[in-house]
Amino acid sequence: MSLIPSIFGGRWDPFSMDVWSPNFTSNDELSTFANLRVDWKETPEAHVFKADLPGLKKEEVKVEMEEGRVLTISGERSVEKEDKGEKWHRVERGRGKFLRRFRLPENAKADEVKASMENGVLTVAIPKLPEKKPEVRSVQITG
């Protein structure tokens, strides 16, 4: 008798699929598409995006600006070929195409985007426009 109840019928293998993942799906391509995790932080000077892309070269990743203020990060992770005499027991690393889009706020200088890739981490920095201070003028009081 199993201590963990079966939710799929038969014997349940907790390592067979990540059913607790918010992006769980049986479609590997869609799973990879949704699994590109990106951090976005805003500093006083810029909007900074970081994405972990281990094993990819910068030539396999695209960073583009669409419609003026939409940042797009895309690419494809190739599937390793199975050579004759080899047998895969598990394939868990993401593979296939990925794509993420972010609509940037009004204060982003979309024409000054810089991207770099180091140790499998893509960093995209977008400078911010200087903050406009409200114009204040004195009004003379009559009477």
Protein backbone atom coordinates (compact mmCIF):
# COMPACT_ATOMS: atom_id res chain seq x y z
CA MET A 1 0.00 0.00 0.00
CA SER A 2 1.37 3.37 -1.01
CA LEU A 3 1.68 6.20 1.49
CA ILE A 4 1.03 8.71 -1.31
CA PRO A 5 -2.40 8.31 -2.87
CA SER A 6 -2.58 7.76 -6.60
CA ILE A 7 -3.95 10.75 -8.48
CA PHE A 8 -3.43 9.35 -11.97
CA GLY A 9 -4.37 5.72 -11.39
CA GLY A 10 -1.88 2.93 -10.82
CA ARG A 11 1.38 3.67 -9.06
CA TRP A 12 2.30 7.34 -8.77
CA ASP A 13 5.85 8.51 -9.51
CA PRO A 14 6.38 11.96 -7.96
CA PHE A 15 9.32 12.56 -10.32
CA SER A 16 7.52 11.64 -13.55
CA MET A 17 6.10 15.14 -14.07
CA ASP A 18 6.02 18.40 -12.21
CA VAL A 19 2.32 18.62 -11.47
CA TRP A 20 2.92 21.42 -8.99
CA SER A 21 4.54 23.66 -11.58
CA PRO A 22 2.35 26.63 -12.54
CA ASN A 23 3.34 25.97 -16.15
CA PHE A 24 2.62 22.23 -16.10
CA THR A 25 1.52 20.97 -19.50
CA SER A 26 2.02 17.81 -21.47
CA ASN A 27 3.13 19.76 -24.55
CA ASP A 28 6.95 20.06 -24.30
CA GLU A 29 7.19 22.97 -26.75
CA LEU A 30 4.55 24.99 -24.92
CA SER A 31 6.19 24.14 -21.61
CA THR A 32 9.54 25.49 -22.80
CA PHE A 33 7.79 28.52 -24.26
CA ALA A 34 6.25 29.33 -20.88
CA ASN A 35 9.26 28.35 -18.76
CA LEU A 36 11.60 31.20 -19.72
CA ARG A 37 11.84 32.87 -16.35
CA VAL A 38 12.72 36.55 -16.44
CA ASP A 39 13.43 38.96 -13.58
CA TRP A 40 12.57 42.64 -14.17
CA LYS A 41 13.74 45.30 -11.78
CA GLU A 42 13.59 49.06 -11.98
CA THR A 43 16.52 51.07 -10.65
CA PRO A 44 16.72 54.86 -10.50
CA GLU A 45 18.62 54.78 -13.82
CA ALA A 46 17.17 51.87 -15.82
CA HIS A 47 14.85 48.90 -16.27
CA VAL A 48 16.94 45.72 -16.01
CA PHE A 49 15.82 42.29 -17.25
CA LYS A 50 17.68 39.05 -16.45
CA ALA A 51 16.98 35.63 -17.94
CA ASP A 52 18.78 32.37 -17.20
CA LEU A 53 19.65 30.69 -20.51
CA PRO A 54 22.20 28.01 -19.59
CA GLY A 55 23.87 26.27 -22.49
CA LEU A 56 22.79 28.83 -25.09
CA LYS A 57 25.15 31.05 -27.08
CA LYS A 58 24.32 34.69 -27.69
CA GLU A 59 23.82 33.85 -31.38
CA GLU A 60 20.89 31.58 -30.39
CA VAL A 61 19.03 34.38 -28.58
CA LYS A 62 17.21 37.39 -30.05
CA VAL A 63 16.46 40.63 -28.22
CA GLU A 64 14.17 42.96 -30.17
CA MET A 65 12.06 46.07 -29.65
CA GLU A 66 8.64 45.96 -31.30
CA GLU A 67 6.15 48.79 -31.77
CA GLY A 68 8.43 51.18 -29.94
CA ARG A 69 7.95 49.92 -26.37
CA VAL A 70 7.60 46.12 -26.46
CA LEU A 71 10.73 44.18 -25.49
CA THR A 72 10.88 40.67 -27.01
CA ILE A 73 13.30 37.95 -25.89
CA SER A 74 13.22 34.81 -28.03
CA GLY A 75 15.32 31.89 -29.21
CA GLU A 76 15.48 28.16 -29.50
CA ARG A 77 17.19 25.43 -27.53
CA SER A 78 18.11 22.56 -29.85
CA VAL A 79 17.18 18.98 -29.13
CA GLU A 80 20.19 16.73 -28.65
CA LYS A 81 20.26 13.94 -31.19
CA GLU A 82 20.30 10.36 -30.02
CA ASP A 83 23.30 8.63 -31.53
CA LYS A 84 23.22 4.98 -32.50
CA GLY A 85 23.81 2.81 -29.48
CA GLU A 86 22.61 5.49 -27.04
CA LYS A 87 19.40 5.34 -25.09
CA TRP A 88 17.88 8.31 -23.27
CA HIS A 89 16.33 7.45 -19.91
CA ARG A 90 15.11 10.96 -19.13
CA VAL A 91 14.91 14.28 -20.94
CA GLU A 92 13.97 17.00 -18.45
CA ARG A 93 15.90 20.04 -19.64
CA GLY A 94 13.82 22.52 -21.59
CA ARG A 95 14.06 22.43 -25.35
CA GLY A 96 12.34 24.07 -28.26
CA LYS A 97 11.40 27.67 -28.90
CA PHE A 98 10.86 30.29 -26.23
CA LEU A 99 9.46 33.81 -26.39
CA ARG A 100 8.63 36.47 -23.81
CA ARG A 101 7.29 39.99 -24.38
CA PHE A 102 7.21 42.93 -22.00
CA ARG A 103 5.45 46.26 -22.56
CA LEU A 104 7.77 48.94 -21.25
CA PRO A 105 6.54 51.95 -19.31
CA GLU A 106 6.56 55.48 -20.76
CA ASN A 107 9.79 56.35 -18.94
CA ALA A 108 11.92 53.79 -20.86
CA LYS A 109 14.38 55.00 -23.51
CA ALA A 110 13.51 52.25 -25.99
CA ASP A 111 16.10 53.44 -28.52
CA GLU A 112 19.00 52.89 -26.07
CA VAL A 113 18.57 49.19 -25.23
CA LYS A 114 21.75 47.28 -24.33
CA ALA A 115 22.01 43.51 -23.99
CA SER A 116 24.82 41.26 -22.81
CA MET A 117 25.21 37.57 -22.07
CA GLU A 118 27.63 36.16 -19.55
CA ASN A 119 27.77 32.67 -18.01
CA GLY A 120 24.35 31.77 -19.43
CA VAL A 121 22.61 34.86 -18.04
CA LEU A 122 21.10 37.36 -20.48
CA THR A 123 20.97 40.92 -19.13
CA VAL A 124 18.98 43.61 -20.93
CA ALA A 125 19.27 47.19 -19.65
CA ILE A 126 16.99 49.97 -20.82
CA PRO A 127 17.81 53.46 -19.52
CA LYS A 128 15.03 55.62 -18.11
CA LEU A 129 14.07 59.11 -19.20
CA PRO A 130 14.78 61.77 -16.60
CA GLU A 131 11.83 62.36 -14.35
CA LYS A 132 9.89 65.46 -15.39
CA LYS A 133 9.34 67.82 -12.51
CA PRO A 134 6.05 69.63 -12.55
CA GLU A 135 6.31 73.24 -13.63
CA VAL A 136 5.36 75.59 -10.83
CA ARG A 137 4.76 79.27 -11.40
CA SER A 138 3.54 81.92 -9.08
CA VAL A 139 0.23 83.59 -9.71
CA GLN A 140 -0.18 87.20 -8.66
CA ILE A 141 -3.14 87.89 -6.46
CA THR A 142 -5.04 91.08 -7.27
CA GLY A 143 -7.57 93.05 -5.28
